[in-house]
Amino acid sequence: MKKKKNENDIGQPSTLSSRTITRSGIIENGKELVVACGYTVGGQFGYFVCWERQEPRNDNKVMHEYSGTVLFKKKANDRTLYDVLADFKTFIDSRKNK
């Protein structure tokens, strides 16, 4: 019997199809908290608040590895990005005030 996928699963961004939109400046264990857009491994497009590690490659480019998704919002309309960025700013400000 096939397990039905939970629509509320956060999922992980696909490294090949995701791009960083903005950075937080918060770095832990060599990873920075960022907002990225892209597709989940399951194929949904949206916005991720997740940890990004940059790994240099041999061809003078950088590989971006995303993990530890804190938040995923499926793109519902043109306001979704602005809502995610506002939540991200609130989260960053709360961490800086600790």
C-alpha atoms as a PDB file:
ATOM      1  CA  MET A   1       0.000   0.000   0.000  1.00  0.00           C
ATOM      2  CA  LYS A   2       1.411   3.358  -1.024  1.00  0.00           C
ATOM      3  CA  LYS A   3       1.768   5.939   1.736  1.00  0.00           C
ATOM      4  CA  LYS A   4      -0.197   9.110   0.961  1.00  0.00           C
ATOM      5  CA  LYS A   5       1.996  12.205   1.020  1.00  0.00           C
ATOM      6  CA  ASN A   6       1.065  14.685   3.724  1.00  0.00           C
ATOM      7  CA  GLU A   7       0.306  18.039   2.077  1.00  0.00           C
ATOM      8  CA  ASN A   8       1.711  19.804   5.145  1.00  0.00           C
ATOM      9  CA  ASP A   9       5.152  18.201   4.836  1.00  0.00           C
ATOM     10  CA  ILE A  10       7.799  20.914   4.822  1.00  0.00           C
ATOM     11  CA  GLY A  11      10.010  19.105   2.343  1.00  0.00           C
ATOM     12  CA  GLN A  12      13.527  20.027   1.344  1.00  0.00           C
ATOM     13  CA  PRO A  13      14.467  22.355  -1.491  1.00  0.00           C
ATOM     14  CA  SER A  14      15.921  20.669  -4.528  1.00  0.00           C
ATOM     15  CA  THR A  15      19.525  21.861  -4.785  1.00  0.00           C
ATOM     16  CA  LEU A  16      19.373  21.925  -8.581  1.00  0.00           C
ATOM     17  CA  SER A  17      16.286  24.121  -8.870  1.00  0.00           C
ATOM     18  CA  SER A  18      16.591  26.443  -5.853  1.00  0.00           C
ATOM     19  CA  ARG A  19      18.073  29.927  -5.620  1.00  0.00           C
ATOM     20  CA  THR A  20      18.879  32.073  -2.598  1.00  0.00           C
ATOM     21  CA  ILE A  21      16.830  35.280  -2.374  1.00  0.00           C
ATOM     22  CA  THR A  22      18.247  36.846   0.787  1.00  0.00           C
ATOM     23  CA  ARG A  23      20.651  36.045   3.611  1.00  0.00           C
ATOM     24  CA  SER A  24      20.341  36.531   7.363  1.00  0.00           C
ATOM     25  CA  GLY A  25      23.948  36.849   8.481  1.00  0.00           C
ATOM     26  CA  ILE A  26      23.218  34.123  11.059  1.00  0.00           C
ATOM     27  CA  ILE A  27      25.802  31.378  10.619  1.00  0.00           C
ATOM     28  CA  GLU A  28      25.848  28.152  12.621  1.00  0.00           C
ATOM     29  CA  ASN A  29      28.003  25.099  11.935  1.00  0.00           C
ATOM     30  CA  GLY A  30      29.215  26.582   8.643  1.00  0.00           C
ATOM     31  CA  LYS A  31      25.670  27.137   7.337  1.00  0.00           C
ATOM     32  CA  GLU A  32      23.793  30.421   6.922  1.00  0.00           C
ATOM     33  CA  LEU A  33      20.070  30.918   7.418  1.00  0.00           C
ATOM     34  CA  VAL A  34      18.592  32.095   4.093  1.00  0.00           C
ATOM     35  CA  VAL A  35      15.363  32.516   2.157  1.00  0.00           C
ATOM     36  CA  ALA A  36      15.430  30.492  -1.052  1.00  0.00           C
ATOM     37  CA  CYS A  37      12.891  29.911  -3.777  1.00  0.00           C
ATOM     38  CA  GLY A  38      12.513  26.760  -5.754  1.00  0.00           C
ATOM     39  CA  TYR A  39      10.852  23.398  -5.970  1.00  0.00           C
ATOM     40  CA  THR A  40      10.557  20.808  -3.255  1.00  0.00           C
ATOM     41  CA  VAL A  41      11.806  17.359  -4.110  1.00  0.00           C
ATOM     42  CA  GLY A  42       8.088  16.541  -4.483  1.00  0.00           C
ATOM     43  CA  GLY A  43       7.615  19.242  -7.145  1.00  0.00           C
ATOM     44  CA  GLN A  44       5.855  22.095  -5.301  1.00  0.00           C
ATOM     45  CA  PHE A  45       7.138  25.628  -5.991  1.00  0.00           C
ATOM     46  CA  GLY A  46       7.481  27.978  -3.061  1.00  0.00           C
ATOM     47  CA  TYR A  47       9.746  29.743  -0.619  1.00  0.00           C
ATOM     48  CA  PHE A  48      12.002  28.151   1.989  1.00  0.00           C
ATOM     49  CA  VAL A  49      13.598  29.480   5.122  1.00  0.00           C
ATOM     50  CA  CYS A  50      16.461  27.023   5.413  1.00  0.00           C
ATOM     51  CA  TRP A  51      20.162  26.581   6.063  1.00  0.00           C
ATOM     52  CA  GLU A  52      22.576  26.981   3.146  1.00  0.00           C
ATOM     53  CA  ARG A  53      26.126  25.688   2.914  1.00  0.00           C
ATOM     54  CA  GLN A  54      28.324  26.891   0.086  1.00  0.00           C
ATOM     55  CA  GLU A  55      30.860  24.416  -1.209  1.00  0.00           C
ATOM     56  CA  PRO A  56      33.565  25.499  -3.700  1.00  0.00           C
ATOM     57  CA  ARG A  57      33.776  23.362  -6.841  1.00  0.00           C
ATOM     58  CA  ASN A  58      36.765  22.662  -9.078  1.00  0.00           C
ATOM     59  CA  ASP A  59      35.426  24.895 -11.886  1.00  0.00           C
ATOM     60  CA  ASN A  60      35.629  28.099  -9.766  1.00  0.00           C
ATOM     61  CA  LYS A  61      31.878  27.985  -9.110  1.00  0.00           C
ATOM     62  CA  VAL A  62      30.074  27.395  -5.839  1.00  0.00           C
ATOM     63  CA  MET A  63      27.621  24.618  -5.069  1.00  0.00           C
ATOM     64  CA  HIS A  64      24.750  25.638  -2.782  1.00  0.00           C
ATOM     65  CA  GLU A  65      23.462  22.897  -0.491  1.00  0.00           C
ATOM     66  CA  TYR A  66      20.165  23.540   1.304  1.00  0.00           C
ATOM     67  CA  SER A  67      19.063  21.649   4.408  1.00  0.00           C
ATOM     68  CA  GLY A  68      17.221  21.976   7.687  1.00  0.00           C
ATOM     69  CA  THR A  69      14.105  23.668   6.354  1.00  0.00           C
ATOM     70  CA  VAL A  70      12.586  25.875   9.051  1.00  0.00           C
ATOM     71  CA  LEU A  71       9.614  27.049   6.973  1.00  0.00           C
ATOM     72  CA  PHE A  72       8.134  26.305   3.561  1.00  0.00           C
ATOM     73  CA  LYS A  73       5.329  28.339   2.013  1.00  0.00           C
ATOM     74  CA  LYS A  74       3.858  27.166  -1.248  1.00  0.00           C
ATOM     75  CA  LYS A  75       3.464  30.070  -3.674  1.00  0.00           C
ATOM     76  CA  ALA A  76      -0.223  30.940  -3.616  1.00  0.00           C
ATOM     77  CA  ASN A  77      -0.060  34.384  -5.238  1.00  0.00           C
ATOM     78  CA  ASP A  78       2.298  37.328  -5.796  1.00  0.00           C
ATOM     79  CA  ARG A  79       2.093  38.307  -2.092  1.00  0.00           C
ATOM     80  CA  THR A  80       3.525  35.012  -0.840  1.00  0.00           C
ATOM     81  CA  LEU A  81       7.145  36.147  -1.227  1.00  0.00           C
ATOM     82  CA  TYR A  82       6.495  39.379   0.671  1.00  0.00           C
ATOM     83  CA  ASP A  83       4.801  37.455   3.484  1.00  0.00           C
ATOM     84  CA  VAL A  84       7.775  35.084   3.756  1.00  0.00           C
ATOM     85  CA  LEU A  85      10.258  37.984   3.764  1.00  0.00           C
ATOM     86  CA  ALA A  86       8.274  39.761   6.514  1.00  0.00           C
ATOM     87  CA  ASP A  87       8.218  36.574   8.632  1.00  0.00           C
ATOM     88  CA  PHE A  88      11.951  36.103   7.996  1.00  0.00           C
ATOM     89  CA  LYS A  89      12.740  39.665   9.111  1.00  0.00           C
ATOM     90  CA  THR A  90      10.658  39.223  12.279  1.00  0.00           C
ATOM     91  CA  PHE A  91      12.471  35.960  13.038  1.00  0.00           C
ATOM     92  CA  ILE A  92      15.927  37.501  12.456  1.00  0.00           C
ATOM     93  CA  ASP A  93      15.080  40.524  14.622  1.00  0.00           C
ATOM     94  CA  SER A  94      13.901  38.246  17.448  1.00  0.00           C
ATOM     95  CA  ARG A  95      17.187  36.288  17.319  1.00  0.00           C
ATOM     96  CA  LYS A  96      19.263  39.472  17.400  1.00  0.00           C
ATOM     97  CA  ASN A  97      17.356  40.771  20.436  1.00  0.00           C
ATOM     98  CA  LYS A  98      18.201  37.711  22.573  1.00  0.00           C
END
